[in-house]
Amino acid sequence: MARRKIGNSHTTICVTWEDKELFRKFAQFVKETKTGKLYESDSVLFHKLLQHYEKEHQKNETSNTTYPTKT
């Protein structure tokens, strides 16, 4: 199961800058603000990507840890 600290609703995922730049190309325009154009956040993009991936792939019953642990 994925672990998280109590009270935290978000996590950090490490990606390469190359992947990040490609990822941001899929961000949709949201609105014009005083300081410029606002596009979807990384969180919104990741959620959309995950929803699509979930439809196309089979998932496990339980979540798995990122790093191996001794049993």
PDB file of N, CA and C in Angstrom:
ATOM      1  N   MET A   1       0.830  -1.174   0.000  1.00  0.00           N
ATOM      2  CA  MET A   1       0.000   0.000   0.000  1.00  0.00           C
ATOM      3  C   MET A   1       0.886   1.252   0.000  1.00  0.00           C
ATOM      4  N   ALA A   2       0.460   2.270  -0.690  1.00  0.00           N
ATOM      5  CA  ALA A   2       1.200   3.531  -0.712  1.00  0.00           C
ATOM      6  C   ALA A   2       1.087   4.186   0.665  1.00  0.00           C
ATOM      7  N   ARG A   3       2.221   4.687   1.168  1.00  0.00           N
ATOM      8  CA  ARG A   3       2.228   5.310   2.494  1.00  0.00           C
ATOM      9  C   ARG A   3       2.182   6.820   2.361  1.00  0.00           C
ATOM     10  N   ARG A   4       1.529   7.452   3.319  1.00  0.00           N
ATOM     11  CA  ARG A   4       1.513   8.903   3.348  1.00  0.00           C
ATOM     12  C   ARG A   4       1.365   9.388   4.779  1.00  0.00           C
ATOM     13  N   LYS A   5       1.799  10.603   5.021  1.00  0.00           N
ATOM     14  CA  LYS A   5       1.664  11.199   6.339  1.00  0.00           C
ATOM     15  C   LYS A   5       0.222  11.626   6.552  1.00  0.00           C
ATOM     16  N   ILE A   6      -0.240  11.497   7.763  1.00  0.00           N
ATOM     17  CA  ILE A   6      -1.608  11.898   8.100  1.00  0.00           C
ATOM     18  C   ILE A   6      -1.773  13.388   7.825  1.00  0.00           C
ATOM     19  N   GLY A   7      -2.848  13.745   7.153  1.00  0.00           N
ATOM     20  CA  GLY A   7      -3.144  15.144   6.861  1.00  0.00           C
ATOM     21  C   GLY A   7      -2.620  15.626   5.515  1.00  0.00           C
ATOM     22  N   ASN A   8      -1.726  14.874   4.883  1.00  0.00           N
ATOM     23  CA  ASN A   8      -1.218  15.272   3.567  1.00  0.00           C
ATOM     24  C   ASN A   8      -2.160  14.792   2.477  1.00  0.00           C
ATOM     25  N   SER A   9      -2.537  15.681   1.588  1.00  0.00           N
ATOM     26  CA  SER A   9      -3.422  15.305   0.486  1.00  0.00           C
ATOM     27  C   SER A   9      -2.682  15.205  -0.842  1.00  0.00           C
ATOM     28  N   HIS A  10      -1.435  15.694  -0.899  1.00  0.00           N
ATOM     29  CA  HIS A  10      -0.658  15.679  -2.133  1.00  0.00           C
ATOM     30  C   HIS A  10       0.722  15.075  -1.886  1.00  0.00           C
ATOM     31  N   THR A  11       1.347  14.618  -2.949  1.00  0.00           N
ATOM     32  CA  THR A  11       2.692  14.059  -2.890  1.00  0.00           C
ATOM     33  C   THR A  11       3.525  14.666  -4.008  1.00  0.00           C
ATOM     34  N   THR A  12       4.801  14.406  -3.989  1.00  0.00           N
ATOM     35  CA  THR A  12       5.703  14.871  -5.032  1.00  0.00           C
ATOM     36  C   THR A  12       6.167  13.677  -5.846  1.00  0.00           C
ATOM     37  N   ILE A  13       6.114  13.791  -7.159  1.00  0.00           N
ATOM     38  CA  ILE A  13       6.598  12.743  -8.044  1.00  0.00           C
ATOM     39  C   ILE A  13       7.762  13.320  -8.839  1.00  0.00           C
ATOM     40  N   CYS A  14       8.858  12.609  -8.848  1.00  0.00           N
ATOM     41  CA  CYS A  14      10.055  13.078  -9.549  1.00  0.00           C
ATOM     42  C   CYS A  14      10.020  12.599 -11.003  1.00  0.00           C
ATOM     43  N   VAL A  15      10.128  13.537 -11.933  1.00  0.00           N
ATOM     44  CA  VAL A  15      10.165  13.219 -13.364  1.00  0.00           C
ATOM     45  C   VAL A  15      11.305  14.001 -14.002  1.00  0.00           C
ATOM     46  N   THR A  16      11.750  13.561 -15.155  1.00  0.00           N
ATOM     47  CA  THR A  16      12.803  14.297 -15.850  1.00  0.00           C
ATOM     48  C   THR A  16      12.217  15.588 -16.426  1.00  0.00           C
ATOM     49  N   TRP A  17      13.075  16.571 -16.642  1.00  0.00           N
ATOM     50  CA  TRP A  17      12.610  17.829 -17.236  1.00  0.00           C
ATOM     51  C   TRP A  17      12.056  17.594 -18.640  1.00  0.00           C
ATOM     52  N   GLU A  18      12.651  16.671 -19.348  1.00  0.00           N
ATOM     53  CA  GLU A  18      12.171  16.348 -20.700  1.00  0.00           C
ATOM     54  C   GLU A  18      10.727  15.840 -20.645  1.00  0.00           C
ATOM     55  N   ASP A  19      10.439  14.931 -19.715  1.00  0.00           N
ATOM     56  CA  ASP A  19       9.078  14.408 -19.557  1.00  0.00           C
ATOM     57  C   ASP A  19       8.120  15.499 -19.081  1.00  0.00           C
ATOM     58  N   LYS A  20       8.602  16.353 -18.177  1.00  0.00           N
ATOM     59  CA  LYS A  20       7.771  17.443 -17.667  1.00  0.00           C
ATOM     60  C   LYS A  20       7.368  18.395 -18.798  1.00  0.00           C
ATOM     61  N   GLU A  21       8.304  18.734 -19.667  1.00  0.00           N
ATOM     62  CA  GLU A  21       7.999  19.633 -20.775  1.00  0.00           C
ATOM     63  C   GLU A  21       6.992  19.004 -21.736  1.00  0.00           C
ATOM     64  N   LEU A  22       7.139  17.715 -22.005  1.00  0.00           N
ATOM     65  CA  LEU A  22       6.165  17.015 -22.845  1.00  0.00           C
ATOM     66  C   LEU A  22       4.810  16.975 -22.155  1.00  0.00           C
ATOM     67  N   PHE A  23       4.792  16.656 -20.882  1.00  0.00           N
ATOM     68  CA  PHE A  23       3.567  16.588 -20.074  1.00  0.00           C
ATOM     69  C   PHE A  23       2.803  17.908 -20.126  1.00  0.00           C
ATOM     70  N   ARG A  24       3.521  19.028 -19.972  1.00  0.00           N
ATOM     71  CA  ARG A  24       2.887  20.348 -19.959  1.00  0.00           C
ATOM     72  C   ARG A  24       2.280  20.727 -21.312  1.00  0.00           C
ATOM     73  N   LYS A  25       2.705  20.093 -22.390  1.00  0.00           N
ATOM     74  CA  LYS A  25       2.142  20.382 -23.711  1.00  0.00           C
ATOM     75  C   LYS A  25       0.688  19.946 -23.815  1.00  0.00           C
ATOM     76  N   PHE A  26       0.247  19.076 -22.896  1.00  0.00           N
ATOM     77  CA  PHE A  26      -1.135  18.606 -22.900  1.00  0.00           C
ATOM     78  C   PHE A  26      -2.060  19.471 -22.035  1.00  0.00           C
ATOM     79  N   ALA A  27      -1.500  20.452 -21.343  1.00  0.00           N
ATOM     80  CA  ALA A  27      -2.305  21.324 -20.483  1.00  0.00           C
ATOM     81  C   ALA A  27      -3.249  22.179 -21.328  1.00  0.00           C
ATOM     82  N   GLN A  28      -4.497  22.206 -20.937  1.00  0.00           N
ATOM     83  CA  GLN A  28      -5.507  22.985 -21.637  1.00  0.00           C
ATOM     84  C   GLN A  28      -5.636  24.377 -21.015  1.00  0.00           C
ATOM     85  N   PHE A  29      -5.944  25.340 -21.846  1.00  0.00           N
ATOM     86  CA  PHE A  29      -6.169  26.714 -21.391  1.00  0.00           C
ATOM     87  C   PHE A  29      -7.386  26.740 -20.472  1.00  0.00           C
ATOM     88  N   VAL A  30      -7.269  27.452 -19.345  1.00  0.00           N
ATOM     89  CA  VAL A  30      -8.375  27.567 -18.392  1.00  0.00           C
ATOM     90  C   VAL A  30      -9.022  28.946 -18.502  1.00  0.00           C
ATOM     91  N   LYS A  31      -8.209  30.007 -18.319  1.00  0.00           N
ATOM     92  CA  LYS A  31      -8.754  31.364 -18.403  1.00  0.00           C
ATOM     93  C   LYS A  31      -7.638  32.386 -18.509  1.00  0.00           C
ATOM     94  N   GLU A  32      -8.015  33.588 -18.871  1.00  0.00           N
ATOM     95  CA  GLU A  32      -7.085  34.715 -18.934  1.00  0.00           C
ATOM     96  C   GLU A  32      -7.111  35.408 -17.569  1.00  0.00           C
ATOM     97  N   THR A  33      -5.931  35.708 -17.033  1.00  0.00           N
ATOM     98  CA  THR A  33      -5.843  36.411 -15.751  1.00  0.00           C
ATOM     99  C   THR A  33      -5.116  37.736 -15.947  1.00  0.00           C
ATOM    100  N   LYS A  34      -5.012  38.508 -14.877  1.00  0.00           N
ATOM    101  CA  LYS A  34      -4.304  39.794 -14.959  1.00  0.00           C
ATOM    102  C   LYS A  34      -2.842  39.607 -15.342  1.00  0.00           C
ATOM    103  N   THR A  35      -2.262  38.475 -14.946  1.00  0.00           N
ATOM    104  CA  THR A  35      -0.842  38.248 -15.200  1.00  0.00           C
ATOM    105  C   THR A  35      -0.564  37.379 -16.429  1.00  0.00           C
ATOM    106  N   GLY A  36      -1.617  36.945 -17.105  1.00  0.00           N
ATOM    107  CA  GLY A  36      -1.426  36.142 -18.314  1.00  0.00           C
ATOM    108  C   GLY A  36      -2.397  34.974 -18.407  1.00  0.00           C
ATOM    109  N   LYS A  37      -2.087  34.040 -19.280  1.00  0.00           N
ATOM    110  CA  LYS A  37      -2.949  32.884 -19.502  1.00  0.00           C
ATOM    111  C   LYS A  37      -2.717  31.820 -18.429  1.00  0.00           C
ATOM    112  N   LEU A  38      -3.819  31.246 -17.935  1.00  0.00           N
ATOM    113  CA  LEU A  38      -3.756  30.190 -16.930  1.00  0.00           C
ATOM    114  C   LEU A  38      -4.089  28.869 -17.599  1.00  0.00           C
ATOM    115  N   TYR A  39      -3.228  27.865 -17.385  1.00  0.00           N
ATOM    116  CA  TYR A  39      -3.432  26.529 -17.937  1.00  0.00           C
ATOM    117  C   TYR A  39      -3.637  25.534 -16.799  1.00  0.00           C
ATOM    118  N   GLU A  40      -4.143  24.349 -17.124  1.00  0.00           N
ATOM    119  CA  GLU A  40      -4.375  23.313 -16.129  1.00  0.00           C
ATOM    120  C   GLU A  40      -3.099  23.014 -15.345  1.00  0.00           C
ATOM    121  N   SER A  41      -3.270  22.671 -14.082  1.00  0.00           N
ATOM    122  CA  SER A  41      -2.128  22.341 -13.227  1.00  0.00           C
ATOM    123  C   SER A  41      -1.618  20.933 -13.523  1.00  0.00           C
ATOM    124  N   ASP A  42      -0.417  20.629 -13.037  1.00  0.00           N
ATOM    125  CA  ASP A  42       0.131  19.280 -13.175  1.00  0.00           C
ATOM    126  C   ASP A  42      -0.796  18.266 -12.514  1.00  0.00           C
ATOM    127  N   SER A  43      -1.383  18.640 -11.395  1.00  0.00           N
ATOM    128  CA  SER A  43      -2.285  17.750 -10.671  1.00  0.00           C
ATOM    129  C   SER A  43      -3.515  17.388 -11.515  1.00  0.00           C
ATOM    130  N   VAL A  44      -4.084  18.365 -12.175  1.00  0.00           N
ATOM    131  CA  VAL A  44      -5.246  18.133 -13.039  1.00  0.00           C
ATOM    132  C   VAL A  44      -4.857  17.244 -14.219  1.00  0.00           C
ATOM    133  N   LEU A  45      -3.718  17.545 -14.843  1.00  0.00           N
ATOM    134  CA  LEU A  45      -3.240  16.734 -15.964  1.00  0.00           C
ATOM    135  C   LEU A  45      -2.988  15.288 -15.545  1.00  0.00           C
ATOM    136  N   PHE A  46      -2.323  15.094 -14.398  1.00  0.00           N
ATOM    137  CA  PHE A  46      -2.020  13.751 -13.925  1.00  0.00           C
ATOM    138  C   PHE A  46      -3.307  12.975 -13.657  1.00  0.00           C
ATOM    139  N   HIS A  47      -4.298  13.642 -13.072  1.00  0.00           N
ATOM    140  CA  HIS A  47      -5.583  12.988 -12.790  1.00  0.00           C
ATOM    141  C   HIS A  47      -6.253  12.527 -14.091  1.00  0.00           C
ATOM    142  N   LYS A  48      -6.248  13.373 -15.112  1.00  0.00           N
ATOM    143  CA  LYS A  48      -6.836  13.005 -16.409  1.00  0.00           C
ATOM    144  C   LYS A  48      -6.091  11.821 -17.032  1.00  0.00           C
ATOM    145  N   LEU A  49      -4.761  11.871 -16.969  1.00  0.00           N
ATOM    146  CA  LEU A  49      -3.930  10.798 -17.507  1.00  0.00           C
ATOM    147  C   LEU A  49      -4.223   9.484 -16.786  1.00  0.00           C
ATOM    148  N   LEU A  50      -4.315   9.547 -15.478  1.00  0.00           N
ATOM    149  CA  LEU A  50      -4.581   8.359 -14.678  1.00  0.00           C
ATOM    150  C   LEU A  50      -5.967   7.782 -14.967  1.00  0.00           C
ATOM    151  N   GLN A  51      -6.971   8.633 -15.132  1.00  0.00           N
ATOM    152  CA  GLN A  51      -8.322   8.163 -15.477  1.00  0.00           C
ATOM    153  C   GLN A  51      -8.305   7.417 -16.808  1.00  0.00           C
ATOM    154  N   HIS A  52      -7.621   7.963 -17.792  1.00  0.00           N
ATOM    155  CA  HIS A  52      -7.537   7.314 -19.098  1.00  0.00           C
ATOM    156  C   HIS A  52      -6.791   5.990 -18.990  1.00  0.00           C
ATOM    157  N   TYR A  53      -5.681   5.981 -18.276  1.00  0.00           N
ATOM    158  CA  TYR A  53      -4.865   4.778 -18.106  1.00  0.00           C
ATOM    159  C   TYR A  53      -5.666   3.684 -17.402  1.00  0.00           C
ATOM    160  N   GLU A  54      -6.454   4.076 -16.415  1.00  0.00           N
ATOM    161  CA  GLU A  54      -7.267   3.126 -15.652  1.00  0.00           C
ATOM    162  C   GLU A  54      -8.289   2.414 -16.542  1.00  0.00           C
ATOM    163  N   LYS A  55      -8.818   3.117 -17.532  1.00  0.00           N
ATOM    164  CA  LYS A  55      -9.793   2.518 -18.452  1.00  0.00           C
ATOM    165  C   LYS A  55      -9.146   1.494 -19.374  1.00  0.00           C
ATOM    166  N   GLU A  56      -7.882   1.693 -19.704  1.00  0.00           N
ATOM    167  CA  GLU A  56      -7.192   0.866 -20.687  1.00  0.00           C
ATOM    168  C   GLU A  56      -6.348  -0.265 -20.090  1.00  0.00           C
ATOM    169  N   HIS A  57      -6.110  -0.243 -18.781  1.00  0.00           N
ATOM    170  CA  HIS A  57      -5.218  -1.219 -18.158  1.00  0.00           C
ATOM    171  C   HIS A  57      -5.860  -1.844 -16.923  1.00  0.00           C
ATOM    172  N   GLN A  58      -5.438  -3.067 -16.630  1.00  0.00           N
ATOM    173  CA  GLN A  58      -5.938  -3.768 -15.448  1.00  0.00           C
ATOM    174  C   GLN A  58      -5.111  -3.348 -14.236  1.00  0.00           C
ATOM    175  N   LYS A  59      -5.784  -3.141 -13.111  1.00  0.00           N
ATOM    176  CA  LYS A  59      -5.076  -2.750 -11.899  1.00  0.00           C
ATOM    177  C   LYS A  59      -5.170  -3.850 -10.845  1.00  0.00           C
ATOM    178  N   ASN A  60      -4.243  -3.822  -9.890  1.00  0.00           N
ATOM    179  CA  ASN A  60      -4.239  -4.775  -8.786  1.00  0.00           C
ATOM    180  C   ASN A  60      -5.323  -4.416  -7.778  1.00  0.00           C
ATOM    181  N   GLU A  61      -5.661  -5.360  -6.934  1.00  0.00           N
ATOM    182  CA  GLU A  61      -6.652  -5.112  -5.883  1.00  0.00           C
ATOM    183  C   GLU A  61      -6.126  -4.136  -4.833  1.00  0.00           C
ATOM    184  N   THR A  62      -4.834  -4.217  -4.537  1.00  0.00           N
ATOM    185  CA  THR A  62      -4.230  -3.331  -3.543  1.00  0.00           C
ATOM    186  C   THR A  62      -3.106  -2.533  -4.196  1.00  0.00           C
ATOM    187  N   SER A  63      -2.802  -1.381  -3.614  1.00  0.00           N
ATOM    188  CA  SER A  63      -1.700  -0.578  -4.146  1.00  0.00           C
ATOM    189  C   SER A  63      -0.373  -1.146  -3.652  1.00  0.00           C
ATOM    190  N   ASN A  64       0.668  -0.915  -4.411  1.00  0.00           N
ATOM    191  CA  ASN A  64       1.989  -1.439  -4.088  1.00  0.00           C
ATOM    192  C   ASN A  64       2.909  -0.319  -3.640  1.00  0.00           C
ATOM    193  N   THR A  65       3.915  -0.672  -2.841  1.00  0.00           N
ATOM    194  CA  THR A  65       4.887   0.324  -2.402  1.00  0.00           C
ATOM    195  C   THR A  65       5.850   0.640  -3.546  1.00  0.00           C
ATOM    196  N   THR A  66       6.486   1.774  -3.450  1.00  0.00           N
ATOM    197  CA  THR A  66       7.467   2.178  -4.455  1.00  0.00           C
ATOM    198  C   THR A  66       8.776   1.428  -4.271  1.00  0.00           C
ATOM    199  N   TYR A  67       9.170   1.267  -3.005  1.00  0.00           N
ATOM    200  CA  TYR A  67      10.468   0.663  -2.691  1.00  0.00           C
ATOM    201  C   TYR A  67      10.275  -0.695  -2.036  1.00  0.00           C
ATOM    202  N   PRO A  68      11.209  -1.625  -2.262  1.00  0.00           N
ATOM    203  CA  PRO A  68      11.083  -2.950  -1.641  1.00  0.00           C
ATOM    204  C   PRO A  68      11.257  -2.871  -0.125  1.00  0.00           C
ATOM    205  N   THR A  69      10.564  -3.733   0.575  1.00  0.00           N
ATOM    206  CA  THR A  69      10.689  -3.803   2.029  1.00  0.00           C
ATOM    207  C   THR A  69      10.916  -5.251   2.446  1.00  0.00           C
ATOM    208  N   LYS A  70      11.598  -5.420   3.558  1.00  0.00           N
ATOM    209  CA  LYS A  70      11.815  -6.777   4.076  1.00  0.00           C
ATOM    210  C   LYS A  70      10.521  -7.275   4.688  1.00  0.00           C
ATOM    211  N   THR A  71      10.225  -8.551   4.471  1.00  0.00           N
ATOM    212  CA  THR A  71       8.996  -9.111   5.025  1.00  0.00           C
ATOM    213  C   THR A  71       9.278  -9.982   6.216  1.00  0.00           C
TER     214      THR A  71
END
